[in-house]
Amino acid sequence: MPHGWIILDKPVGLGSTQAVAAVKRNLRQAGYGKKVKVGHGGTLDPLAEGVLPIAIGEATKLCGRMLDASKIYAFTIRFGVETDTLDAEGAVTAHSDHIPSVADVAGVLPRFTGAIEQMPPAYSALKVDGQRAYDLARAGEEVVLKSRAVTIRTLDLAESEADAESVTLVAHVSKGTYIRSLARDIAIALGTVGHVTMLRRLKAGPFRQEQAISLDKLNEIGTGAPLEDVILPLEAGLDDIPALSLDPEAARAVRQGRVIFGLPQGDGLYWARSGAIPVALMELSGGDARVVRGFNLSDVAE
């Protein structure tokens, strides 16, 4: 059974669950059977494109951690028109004749950098009384969502059209940030309205767009192309934390869920390994290491 990551360059129009289904289908066609676990590391709207980490096998145990990771997006705001979905799919709800200059846009960006409060869009997957907000919105019901605290680590002007009717920005954001809401709020701060016409995820956690493969490349797996040409190892999802090397005795103890005492490393989260084999995510505190999540991977050295 394979374990690791396929980083898909998700095309516009494909939902995240459809992307997972495409991976499952190709693995099944490649002879891996129906029991391979597959999950994604952070939803991308159908109208968005770019980096979608898809976990396979034991890597699915890291999906929750990937959901919490920061992301980098490039997005284009078209000024002068707002839609109900805050993107190009929705119905127009407002117009404005005011088109800000590029200098005006650059000048307002510091107001949206750092810790900010954000109102999620009505067309979102958040639940209201047990129902998805987008289902309520599509049914014509008024959707009232609570504001949330998010962090915009960086927000920069990437490029713009000559008349500044549209501008492209690059944002490094915390989990839970809605780019469509960010675009709406930037437009309002500039005395106009706007909506997102392009949204591309450039990075999700440790995964970058340079590592992503096309849907066509994915589909080659189902017709005989080697899986090892596109799958990244499980530990690729742990590149942002240090490794902790274990000797065989300590590795056996960790696999049994036991605490390792007297380690010299500093406090924090580590991924423990036996040779090159990931054993567990571990939290170190005061020299003692406790298992956060174990990986059921065989170690041929044992």
C-alpha atoms as a PDB file:
ATOM      1  CA  MET A   1       0.000   0.000   0.000  1.00  0.00           C
ATOM      2  CA  PRO A   2       1.430   3.421  -0.929  1.00  0.00           C
ATOM      3  CA  HIS A   3       1.958   6.132   1.680  1.00  0.00           C
ATOM      4  CA  GLY A   4       2.725   9.736   0.821  1.00  0.00           C
ATOM      5  CA  TRP A   5       1.468  12.792  -1.036  1.00  0.00           C
ATOM      6  CA  ILE A   6       0.308  13.645  -4.507  1.00  0.00           C
ATOM      7  CA  ILE A   7       0.348  17.411  -4.979  1.00  0.00           C
ATOM      8  CA  LEU A   8      -2.274  18.198  -7.582  1.00  0.00           C
ATOM      9  CA  ASP A   9      -2.353  21.418  -9.572  1.00  0.00           C
ATOM     10  CA  LYS A  10      -6.119  21.528  -9.312  1.00  0.00           C
ATOM     11  CA  PRO A  11      -7.771  23.031 -12.369  1.00  0.00           C
ATOM     12  CA  VAL A  12     -10.681  25.469 -12.273  1.00  0.00           C
ATOM     13  CA  GLY A  13     -14.011  23.645 -12.163  1.00  0.00           C
ATOM     14  CA  LEU A  14     -12.833  20.607 -10.200  1.00  0.00           C
ATOM     15  CA  GLY A  15     -13.960  20.326  -6.577  1.00  0.00           C
ATOM     16  CA  SER A  16     -11.607  19.103  -3.861  1.00  0.00           C
ATOM     17  CA  THR A  17     -13.684  15.977  -3.208  1.00  0.00           C
ATOM     18  CA  GLN A  18     -13.674  15.292  -6.953  1.00  0.00           C
ATOM     19  CA  ALA A  19      -9.883  15.565  -6.900  1.00  0.00           C
ATOM     20  CA  VAL A  20      -9.699  12.984  -4.114  1.00  0.00           C
ATOM     21  CA  ALA A  21     -12.022  10.733  -6.105  1.00  0.00           C
ATOM     22  CA  ALA A  22      -9.753  11.099  -9.148  1.00  0.00           C
ATOM     23  CA  VAL A  23      -6.741   9.965  -7.092  1.00  0.00           C
ATOM     24  CA  LYS A  24      -8.701   6.987  -5.730  1.00  0.00           C
ATOM     25  CA  ARG A  25      -9.817   6.017  -9.224  1.00  0.00           C
ATOM     26  CA  ASN A  26      -6.303   6.155 -10.645  1.00  0.00           C
ATOM     27  CA  LEU A  27      -4.857   4.156  -7.747  1.00  0.00           C
ATOM     28  CA  ARG A  28      -7.551   1.549  -8.216  1.00  0.00           C
ATOM     29  CA  GLN A  29      -6.888   1.361 -11.961  1.00  0.00           C
ATOM     30  CA  ALA A  30      -3.173   1.022 -11.190  1.00  0.00           C
ATOM     31  CA  GLY A  31      -3.892  -2.084  -9.146  1.00  0.00           C
ATOM     32  CA  TYR A  32      -3.748  -0.762  -5.576  1.00  0.00           C
ATOM     33  CA  GLY A  33      -7.281  -1.873  -4.748  1.00  0.00           C
ATOM     34  CA  LYS A  34     -10.152  -0.049  -3.080  1.00  0.00           C
ATOM     35  CA  LYS A  35      -8.831   0.067   0.491  1.00  0.00           C
ATOM     36  CA  VAL A  36      -6.180   2.763   0.056  1.00  0.00           C
ATOM     37  CA  LYS A  37      -6.962   5.715   2.308  1.00  0.00           C
ATOM     38  CA  VAL A  38      -7.019   9.085   0.516  1.00  0.00           C
ATOM     39  CA  GLY A  39      -7.756  12.578   1.828  1.00  0.00           C
ATOM     40  CA  HIS A  40      -6.988  16.200   0.987  1.00  0.00           C
ATOM     41  CA  GLY A  41      -5.079  18.804   2.952  1.00  0.00           C
ATOM     42  CA  GLY A  42      -7.270  21.875   2.532  1.00  0.00           C
ATOM     43  CA  THR A  43     -10.325  22.584   0.391  1.00  0.00           C
ATOM     44  CA  LEU A  44     -10.022  24.674  -2.753  1.00  0.00           C
ATOM     45  CA  ASP A  45     -13.207  26.168  -4.236  1.00  0.00           C
ATOM     46  CA  PRO A  46     -14.114  24.809  -7.692  1.00  0.00           C
ATOM     47  CA  LEU A  47     -13.369  28.241  -9.190  1.00  0.00           C
ATOM     48  CA  ALA A  48      -9.914  28.293  -7.557  1.00  0.00           C
ATOM     49  CA  GLU A  49      -6.868  26.548  -8.945  1.00  0.00           C
ATOM     50  CA  GLY A  50      -3.449  25.507  -7.760  1.00  0.00           C
ATOM     51  CA  VAL A  51      -1.821  23.492  -4.985  1.00  0.00           C
ATOM     52  CA  LEU A  52      -4.039  20.791  -3.481  1.00  0.00           C
ATOM     53  CA  PRO A  53      -2.114  18.320  -1.292  1.00  0.00           C
ATOM     54  CA  ILE A  54      -3.707  14.865  -1.427  1.00  0.00           C
ATOM     55  CA  ALA A  55      -2.608  12.408   1.241  1.00  0.00           C
ATOM     56  CA  ILE A  56      -2.402   8.664   0.667  1.00  0.00           C
ATOM     57  CA  GLY A  57      -2.227   5.882   3.252  1.00  0.00           C
ATOM     58  CA  GLU A  58      -0.567   6.838   6.534  1.00  0.00           C
ATOM     59  CA  ALA A  59      -0.075  10.398   5.265  1.00  0.00           C
ATOM     60  CA  THR A  60      -3.821  10.929   5.805  1.00  0.00           C
ATOM     61  CA  LYS A  61      -2.985  11.168   9.512  1.00  0.00           C
ATOM     62  CA  LEU A  62      -1.402  14.528   8.681  1.00  0.00           C
ATOM     63  CA  CYS A  63      -4.427  16.003   6.888  1.00  0.00           C
ATOM     64  CA  GLY A  64      -5.604  17.814  10.017  1.00  0.00           C
ATOM     65  CA  ARG A  65      -2.181  19.372  10.460  1.00  0.00           C
ATOM     66  CA  MET A  66      -2.204  20.452   6.822  1.00  0.00           C
ATOM     67  CA  LEU A  67      -5.592  22.125   7.286  1.00  0.00           C
ATOM     68  CA  ASP A  68      -4.037  24.237  10.058  1.00  0.00           C
ATOM     69  CA  ALA A  69      -1.074  25.278   7.914  1.00  0.00           C
ATOM     70  CA  SER A  70      -0.667  28.714   6.371  1.00  0.00           C
ATOM     71  CA  LYS A  71      -1.285  29.192   2.645  1.00  0.00           C
ATOM     72  CA  ILE A  72      -0.075  31.544  -0.086  1.00  0.00           C
ATOM     73  CA  TYR A  73      -2.477  32.753  -2.781  1.00  0.00           C
ATOM     74  CA  ALA A  74      -2.314  34.934  -5.859  1.00  0.00           C
ATOM     75  CA  PHE A  75      -5.652  36.575  -6.627  1.00  0.00           C
ATOM     76  CA  THR A  76      -7.051  39.203  -8.945  1.00  0.00           C
ATOM     77  CA  ILE A  77      -9.612  41.777  -7.841  1.00  0.00           C
ATOM     78  CA  ARG A  78     -11.796  43.455 -10.427  1.00  0.00           C
ATOM     79  CA  PHE A  79     -12.997  46.787  -9.113  1.00  0.00           C
ATOM     80  CA  GLY A  80     -16.356  48.383  -9.871  1.00  0.00           C
ATOM     81  CA  VAL A  81     -18.505  45.259  -9.657  1.00  0.00           C
ATOM     82  CA  GLU A  82     -19.517  43.112  -6.669  1.00  0.00           C
ATOM     83  CA  THR A  83     -21.288  39.760  -6.871  1.00  0.00           C
ATOM     84  CA  ASP A  84     -23.246  37.768  -4.308  1.00  0.00           C
ATOM     85  CA  THR A  85     -20.575  35.049  -4.236  1.00  0.00           C
ATOM     86  CA  LEU A  86     -17.724  37.610  -4.316  1.00  0.00           C
ATOM     87  CA  ASP A  87     -16.284  35.834  -7.367  1.00  0.00           C
ATOM     88  CA  ALA A  88     -16.949  35.619 -11.079  1.00  0.00           C
ATOM     89  CA  GLU A  89     -19.590  32.905 -10.670  1.00  0.00           C
ATOM     90  CA  GLY A  90     -22.141  35.033  -8.833  1.00  0.00           C
ATOM     91  CA  ALA A  91     -24.866  37.466  -9.793  1.00  0.00           C
ATOM     92  CA  VAL A  92     -23.968  41.159  -9.812  1.00  0.00           C
ATOM     93  CA  THR A  93     -25.229  42.910  -6.682  1.00  0.00           C
ATOM     94  CA  ALA A  94     -23.481  46.295  -6.804  1.00  0.00           C
ATOM     95  CA  HIS A  95     -21.711  48.677  -9.160  1.00  0.00           C
ATOM     96  CA  SER A  96     -19.340  51.583  -8.604  1.00  0.00           C
ATOM     97  CA  ASP A  97     -17.840  54.050 -11.067  1.00  0.00           C
ATOM     98  CA  HIS A  98     -14.814  54.579  -8.848  1.00  0.00           C
ATOM     99  CA  ILE A  99     -11.714  52.701  -9.997  1.00  0.00           C
ATOM    100  CA  PRO A 100      -8.755  53.193  -7.621  1.00  0.00           C
ATOM    101  CA  SER A 101      -5.244  53.834  -8.836  1.00  0.00           C
ATOM    102  CA  VAL A 102      -2.463  51.327  -8.348  1.00  0.00           C
ATOM    103  CA  ALA A 103      -0.921  53.710  -5.831  1.00  0.00           C
ATOM    104  CA  ASP A 104      -4.189  53.807  -3.887  1.00  0.00           C
ATOM    105  CA  VAL A 105      -4.284  50.004  -3.789  1.00  0.00           C
ATOM    106  CA  ALA A 106      -0.674  49.795  -2.595  1.00  0.00           C
ATOM    107  CA  GLY A 107      -1.394  52.387   0.064  1.00  0.00           C
ATOM    108  CA  VAL A 108      -4.296  50.501   1.621  1.00  0.00           C
ATOM    109  CA  LEU A 109      -2.621  47.078   1.842  1.00  0.00           C
ATOM    110  CA  PRO A 110      -0.876  47.722   5.202  1.00  0.00           C
ATOM    111  CA  ARG A 111      -4.336  48.072   6.774  1.00  0.00           C
ATOM    112  CA  PHE A 112      -4.976  44.437   5.891  1.00  0.00           C
ATOM    113  CA  THR A 113      -1.643  43.046   7.033  1.00  0.00           C
ATOM    114  CA  GLY A 114      -1.245  41.378  10.428  1.00  0.00           C
ATOM    115  CA  ALA A 115      -4.084  40.260  12.700  1.00  0.00           C
ATOM    116  CA  ILE A 116      -7.448  41.364  11.302  1.00  0.00           C
ATOM    117  CA  GLU A 117     -11.144  40.606  11.786  1.00  0.00           C
ATOM    118  CA  GLN A 118     -12.893  39.184   8.755  1.00  0.00           C
ATOM    119  CA  MET A 119     -16.516  38.433   7.894  1.00  0.00           C
ATOM    120  CA  PRO A 120     -16.699  35.169   5.913  1.00  0.00           C
ATOM    121  CA  PRO A 121     -18.712  35.251   2.667  1.00  0.00           C
ATOM    122  CA  ALA A 122     -22.306  34.045   2.714  1.00  0.00           C
ATOM    123  CA  TYR A 123     -21.376  31.548   0.016  1.00  0.00           C
ATOM    124  CA  SER A 124     -19.045  29.460   2.159  1.00  0.00           C
ATOM    125  CA  ALA A 125     -18.959  25.956   3.616  1.00  0.00           C
ATOM    126  CA  LEU A 126     -19.421  27.230   7.175  1.00  0.00           C
ATOM    127  CA  LYS A 127     -22.438  25.814   8.971  1.00  0.00           C
ATOM    128  CA  VAL A 128     -25.384  27.830  10.286  1.00  0.00           C
ATOM    129  CA  ASP A 129     -27.720  25.812  12.528  1.00  0.00           C
ATOM    130  CA  GLY A 130     -26.368  22.616  11.009  1.00  0.00           C
ATOM    131  CA  GLN A 131     -26.692  23.725   7.379  1.00  0.00           C
ATOM    132  CA  ARG A 132     -24.015  24.900   4.967  1.00  0.00           C
ATOM    133  CA  ALA A 133     -24.079  28.658   4.498  1.00  0.00           C
ATOM    134  CA  TYR A 134     -23.911  28.334   0.703  1.00  0.00           C
ATOM    135  CA  ASP A 135     -27.002  26.100   0.695  1.00  0.00           C
ATOM    136  CA  LEU A 136     -28.946  28.711   2.659  1.00  0.00           C
ATOM    137  CA  ALA A 137     -27.679  31.517   0.422  1.00  0.00           C
ATOM    138  CA  ARG A 138     -28.624  29.651  -2.733  1.00  0.00           C
ATOM    139  CA  ALA A 139     -32.090  29.108  -1.299  1.00  0.00           C
ATOM    140  CA  GLY A 140     -32.487  32.867  -0.963  1.00  0.00           C
ATOM    141  CA  GLU A 141     -32.199  32.972   2.816  1.00  0.00           C
ATOM    142  CA  GLU A 142     -30.303  35.704   4.617  1.00  0.00           C
ATOM    143  CA  VAL A 143     -27.045  34.346   5.987  1.00  0.00           C
ATOM    144  CA  VAL A 144     -25.512  35.977   9.042  1.00  0.00           C
ATOM    145  CA  LEU A 145     -22.035  34.749   9.936  1.00  0.00           C
ATOM    146  CA  LYS A 146     -19.788  35.752  12.810  1.00  0.00           C
ATOM    147  CA  SER A 147     -16.572  37.607  12.139  1.00  0.00           C
ATOM    148  CA  ARG A 148     -13.364  35.718  12.761  1.00  0.00           C
ATOM    149  CA  ALA A 149      -9.796  36.618  13.621  1.00  0.00           C
ATOM    150  CA  VAL A 150      -7.270  35.729  10.923  1.00  0.00           C
ATOM    151  CA  THR A 151      -3.675  36.695  10.224  1.00  0.00           C
ATOM    152  CA  ILE A 152      -2.405  38.105   6.933  1.00  0.00           C
ATOM    153  CA  ARG A 153       1.348  37.585   7.172  1.00  0.00           C
ATOM    154  CA  THR A 154       2.193  39.385   3.950  1.00  0.00           C
ATOM    155  CA  LEU A 155       0.091  41.130   1.294  1.00  0.00           C
ATOM    156  CA  ASP A 156       1.799  42.512  -1.789  1.00  0.00           C
ATOM    157  CA  LEU A 157       0.892  43.949  -5.153  1.00  0.00           C
ATOM    158  CA  ALA A 158       1.993  41.498  -7.835  1.00  0.00           C
ATOM    159  CA  GLU A 159       0.882  43.113 -11.055  1.00  0.00           C
ATOM    160  CA  SER A 160      -1.905  45.263 -12.407  1.00  0.00           C
ATOM    161  CA  GLU A 161      -3.647  46.253 -15.596  1.00  0.00           C
ATOM    162  CA  ALA A 162      -2.780  49.604 -17.114  1.00  0.00           C
ATOM    163  CA  ASP A 163      -6.074  51.171 -16.008  1.00  0.00           C
ATOM    164  CA  ALA A 164      -6.021  49.437 -12.585  1.00  0.00           C
ATOM    165  CA  GLU A 165      -9.539  48.121 -13.114  1.00  0.00           C
ATOM    166  CA  SER A 166      -8.023  44.814 -12.047  1.00  0.00           C
ATOM    167  CA  VAL A 167      -5.082  44.207  -9.725  1.00  0.00           C
ATOM    168  CA  THR A 168      -3.328  40.994  -8.750  1.00  0.00           C
ATOM    169  CA  LEU A 169      -2.128  40.513  -5.178  1.00  0.00           C
ATOM    170  CA  VAL A 170      -0.147  37.801  -3.399  1.00  0.00           C
ATOM    171  CA  ALA A 171      -1.156  36.983   0.180  1.00  0.00           C
ATOM    172  CA  HIS A 172       0.409  34.696   2.796  1.00  0.00           C
ATOM    173  CA  VAL A 173      -2.456  33.925   5.166  1.00  0.00           C
ATOM    174  CA  SER A 174      -3.360  31.872   8.215  1.00  0.00           C
ATOM    175  CA  LYS A 175      -5.891  29.061   8.212  1.00  0.00           C
ATOM    176  CA  GLY A 176      -9.494  30.194   8.002  1.00  0.00           C
ATOM    177  CA  THR A 177      -8.784  33.219   5.804  1.00  0.00           C
ATOM    178  CA  TYR A 178     -11.262  33.858   2.993  1.00  0.00           C
ATOM    179  CA  ILE A 179      -9.588  35.525   0.027  1.00  0.00           C
ATOM    180  CA  ARG A 180     -12.954  36.568  -1.413  1.00  0.00           C
ATOM    181  CA  SER A 181     -13.737  38.438   1.809  1.00  0.00           C
ATOM    182  CA  LEU A 182     -10.291  40.014   1.772  1.00  0.00           C
ATOM    183  CA  ALA A 183     -10.876  41.261  -1.780  1.00  0.00           C
ATOM    184  CA  ARG A 184     -14.313  42.650  -0.838  1.00  0.00           C
ATOM    185  CA  ASP A 185     -12.902  44.494   2.163  1.00  0.00           C
ATOM    186  CA  ILE A 186      -9.965  45.948   0.223  1.00  0.00           C
ATOM    187  CA  ALA A 187     -12.375  47.298  -2.383  1.00  0.00           C
ATOM    188  CA  ILE A 188     -14.615  48.841   0.284  1.00  0.00           C
ATOM    189  CA  ALA A 189     -11.605  50.481   1.937  1.00  0.00           C
ATOM    190  CA  LEU A 190     -10.805  52.046  -1.436  1.00  0.00           C
ATOM    191  CA  GLY A 191     -14.299  53.505  -1.736  1.00  0.00           C
ATOM    192  CA  THR A 192     -15.553  51.070  -4.341  1.00  0.00           C
ATOM    193  CA  VAL A 193     -16.699  47.457  -4.728  1.00  0.00           C
ATOM    194  CA  GLY A 194     -14.976  44.444  -6.206  1.00  0.00           C
ATOM    195  CA  HIS A 195     -14.866  40.703  -6.673  1.00  0.00           C
ATOM    196  CA  VAL A 196     -12.287  37.970  -7.304  1.00  0.00           C
ATOM    197  CA  THR A 197     -11.778  36.952 -10.926  1.00  0.00           C
ATOM    198  CA  MET A 198      -8.728  34.683 -10.416  1.00  0.00           C
ATOM    199  CA  LEU A 199      -7.607  32.713  -7.381  1.00  0.00           C
ATOM    200  CA  ARG A 200      -4.567  30.462  -7.391  1.00  0.00           C
ATOM    201  CA  ARG A 201      -3.015  28.718  -4.405  1.00  0.00           C
ATOM    202  CA  LEU A 202       0.745  28.898  -4.704  1.00  0.00           C
ATOM    203  CA  LYS A 203       1.683  27.106  -1.493  1.00  0.00           C
ATOM    204  CA  ALA A 204      -0.061  25.010   1.181  1.00  0.00           C
ATOM    205  CA  GLY A 205       1.975  24.237   4.273  1.00  0.00           C
ATOM    206  CA  PRO A 206       5.349  22.931   3.007  1.00  0.00           C
ATOM    207  CA  PHE A 207       4.037  22.153  -0.496  1.00  0.00           C
ATOM    208  CA  ARG A 208       4.777  24.518  -3.404  1.00  0.00           C
ATOM    209  CA  GLN A 209       3.322  24.815  -6.889  1.00  0.00           C
ATOM    210  CA  GLU A 210       6.622  23.581  -8.353  1.00  0.00           C
ATOM    211  CA  GLN A 211       5.831  20.176  -6.814  1.00  0.00           C
ATOM    212  CA  ALA A 212       2.322  19.983  -8.245  1.00  0.00           C
ATOM    213  CA  ILE A 213       1.268  17.775 -11.142  1.00  0.00           C
ATOM    214  CA  SER A 214      -1.504  18.296 -13.664  1.00  0.00           C
ATOM    215  CA  LEU A 215      -4.707  16.290 -13.784  1.00  0.00           C
ATOM    216  CA  ASP A 216      -3.470  14.757 -17.050  1.00  0.00           C
ATOM    217  CA  LYS A 217      -0.273  13.616 -15.305  1.00  0.00           C
ATOM    218  CA  LEU A 218      -2.360  12.110 -12.510  1.00  0.00           C
ATOM    219  CA  ASN A 219      -4.503  10.219 -15.012  1.00  0.00           C
ATOM    220  CA  GLU A 220      -1.380   8.604 -16.464  1.00  0.00           C
ATOM    221  CA  ILE A 221      -1.039   6.633 -13.214  1.00  0.00           C
ATOM    222  CA  GLY A 222      -4.239   4.784 -14.033  1.00  0.00           C
ATOM    223  CA  THR A 223      -2.863   3.777 -17.430  1.00  0.00           C
ATOM    224  CA  GLY A 224       0.450   2.363 -16.245  1.00  0.00           C
ATOM    225  CA  ALA A 225       2.769   5.280 -15.428  1.00  0.00           C
ATOM    226  CA  PRO A 226       4.870   4.587 -12.286  1.00  0.00           C
ATOM    227  CA  LEU A 227       3.322   5.999  -9.105  1.00  0.00           C
ATOM    228  CA  GLU A 228       6.794   6.678  -7.705  1.00  0.00           C
ATOM    229  CA  ASP A 229       7.278   9.329 -10.390  1.00  0.00           C
ATOM    230  CA  VAL A 230       4.618  11.565  -8.822  1.00  0.00           C
ATOM    231  CA  ILE A 231       4.199  10.556  -5.177  1.00  0.00           C
ATOM    232  CA  LEU A 232       6.145  12.399  -2.483  1.00  0.00           C
ATOM    233  CA  PRO A 233       7.095  10.580   0.744  1.00  0.00           C
ATOM    234  CA  LEU A 234       5.034  10.973   3.903  1.00  0.00           C
ATOM    235  CA  GLU A 235       7.789  13.023   5.525  1.00  0.00           C
ATOM    236  CA  ALA A 236       7.482  15.657   2.784  1.00  0.00           C
ATOM    237  CA  GLY A 237       4.505  16.900   4.784  1.00  0.00           C
ATOM    238  CA  LEU A 238       6.798  17.382   7.782  1.00  0.00           C
ATOM    239  CA  ASP A 239       9.482  19.524   6.158  1.00  0.00           C
ATOM    240  CA  ASP A 240       8.620  22.453   8.410  1.00  0.00           C
ATOM    241  CA  ILE A 241       9.494  20.648  11.658  1.00  0.00           C
ATOM    242  CA  PRO A 242      12.774  19.022  12.787  1.00  0.00           C
ATOM    243  CA  ALA A 243      13.439  15.299  12.688  1.00  0.00           C
ATOM    244  CA  LEU A 244      14.276  13.213  15.749  1.00  0.00           C
ATOM    245  CA  SER A 245      16.386  10.130  15.041  1.00  0.00           C
ATOM    246  CA  LEU A 246      15.665   7.048  17.180  1.00  0.00           C
ATOM    247  CA  ASP A 247      17.733   3.953  17.729  1.00  0.00           C
ATOM    248  CA  PRO A 248      15.927   0.614  17.231  1.00  0.00           C
ATOM    249  CA  GLU A 249      15.093   0.223  20.930  1.00  0.00           C
ATOM    250  CA  ALA A 250      13.636   3.730  21.201  1.00  0.00           C
ATOM    251  CA  ALA A 251      11.709   3.231  17.950  1.00  0.00           C
ATOM    252  CA  ARG A 252      10.086   0.078  19.360  1.00  0.00           C
ATOM    253  CA  ALA A 253       9.140   1.976  22.513  1.00  0.00           C
ATOM    254  CA  VAL A 254       7.567   4.800  20.516  1.00  0.00           C
ATOM    255  CA  ARG A 255       5.602   2.338  18.387  1.00  0.00           C
ATOM    256  CA  GLN A 256       4.191   0.978  21.654  1.00  0.00           C
ATOM    257  CA  GLY A 257       3.149   4.487  22.659  1.00  0.00           C
ATOM    258  CA  ARG A 258       5.714   4.831  25.436  1.00  0.00           C
ATOM    259  CA  VAL A 259       7.347   8.081  26.555  1.00  0.00           C
ATOM    260  CA  ILE A 260      11.037   8.646  25.753  1.00  0.00           C
ATOM    261  CA  PHE A 261      12.890  10.373  28.603  1.00  0.00           C
ATOM    262  CA  GLY A 262      16.018  12.457  28.884  1.00  0.00           C
ATOM    263  CA  LEU A 263      16.369  13.809  25.343  1.00  0.00           C
ATOM    264  CA  PRO A 264      18.657  16.820  24.819  1.00  0.00           C
ATOM    265  CA  GLN A 265      16.527  18.539  22.169  1.00  0.00           C
ATOM    266  CA  GLY A 266      14.502  21.646  22.945  1.00  0.00           C
ATOM    267  CA  ASP A 267      10.760  21.728  23.487  1.00  0.00           C
ATOM    268  CA  GLY A 268       8.457  21.507  20.483  1.00  0.00           C
ATOM    269  CA  LEU A 269       7.016  19.243  17.829  1.00  0.00           C
ATOM    270  CA  TYR A 270       9.285  16.714  16.071  1.00  0.00           C
ATOM    271  CA  TRP A 271       8.853  13.858  13.666  1.00  0.00           C
ATOM    272  CA  ALA A 272      10.611  10.777  14.958  1.00  0.00           C
ATOM    273  CA  ARG A 273      12.259   8.407  12.517  1.00  0.00           C
ATOM    274  CA  SER A 274      14.014   5.069  12.592  1.00  0.00           C
ATOM    275  CA  GLY A 275      16.593   5.308   9.853  1.00  0.00           C
ATOM    276  CA  ALA A 276      14.580   6.829   7.018  1.00  0.00           C
ATOM    277  CA  ILE A 277      11.223   5.480   8.231  1.00  0.00           C
ATOM    278  CA  PRO A 278       8.807   7.927   9.935  1.00  0.00           C
ATOM    279  CA  VAL A 279       7.676   6.507  13.278  1.00  0.00           C
ATOM    280  CA  ALA A 280       5.568   9.213  14.899  1.00  0.00           C
ATOM    281  CA  LEU A 281       4.858  12.862  15.489  1.00  0.00           C
ATOM    282  CA  MET A 282       6.156  13.621  18.986  1.00  0.00           C
ATOM    283  CA  GLU A 283       5.911  16.547  21.379  1.00  0.00           C
ATOM    284  CA  LEU A 284       9.026  17.254  23.445  1.00  0.00           C
ATOM    285  CA  SER A 285       8.758  19.014  26.780  1.00  0.00           C
ATOM    286  CA  GLY A 286      11.524  19.161  29.357  1.00  0.00           C
ATOM    287  CA  GLY A 287      13.454  16.406  27.614  1.00  0.00           C
ATOM    288  CA  ASP A 288      10.508  13.988  27.535  1.00  0.00           C
ATOM    289  CA  ALA A 289       8.950  12.996  24.209  1.00  0.00           C
ATOM    290  CA  ARG A 290       5.337  11.848  23.945  1.00  0.00           C
ATOM    291  CA  VAL A 291       3.590  10.446  20.875  1.00  0.00           C
ATOM    292  CA  VAL A 292       1.122  12.800  19.207  1.00  0.00           C
ATOM    293  CA  ARG A 293       0.413  10.570  16.212  1.00  0.00           C
ATOM    294  CA  GLY A 294       1.979   7.264  15.287  1.00  0.00           C
ATOM    295  CA  PHE A 295       2.607   5.992  11.766  1.00  0.00           C
ATOM    296  CA  ASN A 296       2.047   2.348  10.953  1.00  0.00           C
ATOM    297  CA  LEU A 297       4.970   1.906   8.588  1.00  0.00           C
ATOM    298  CA  SER A 298       7.145  -1.187   8.561  1.00  0.00           C
ATOM    299  CA  ASP A 299      10.847  -0.856   9.271  1.00  0.00           C
ATOM    300  CA  VAL A 300      12.772  -3.498   7.341  1.00  0.00           C
ATOM    301  CA  ALA A 301      15.737  -2.981   9.684  1.00  0.00           C
ATOM    302  CA  GLU A 302      13.835  -4.427  12.639  1.00  0.00           C
END
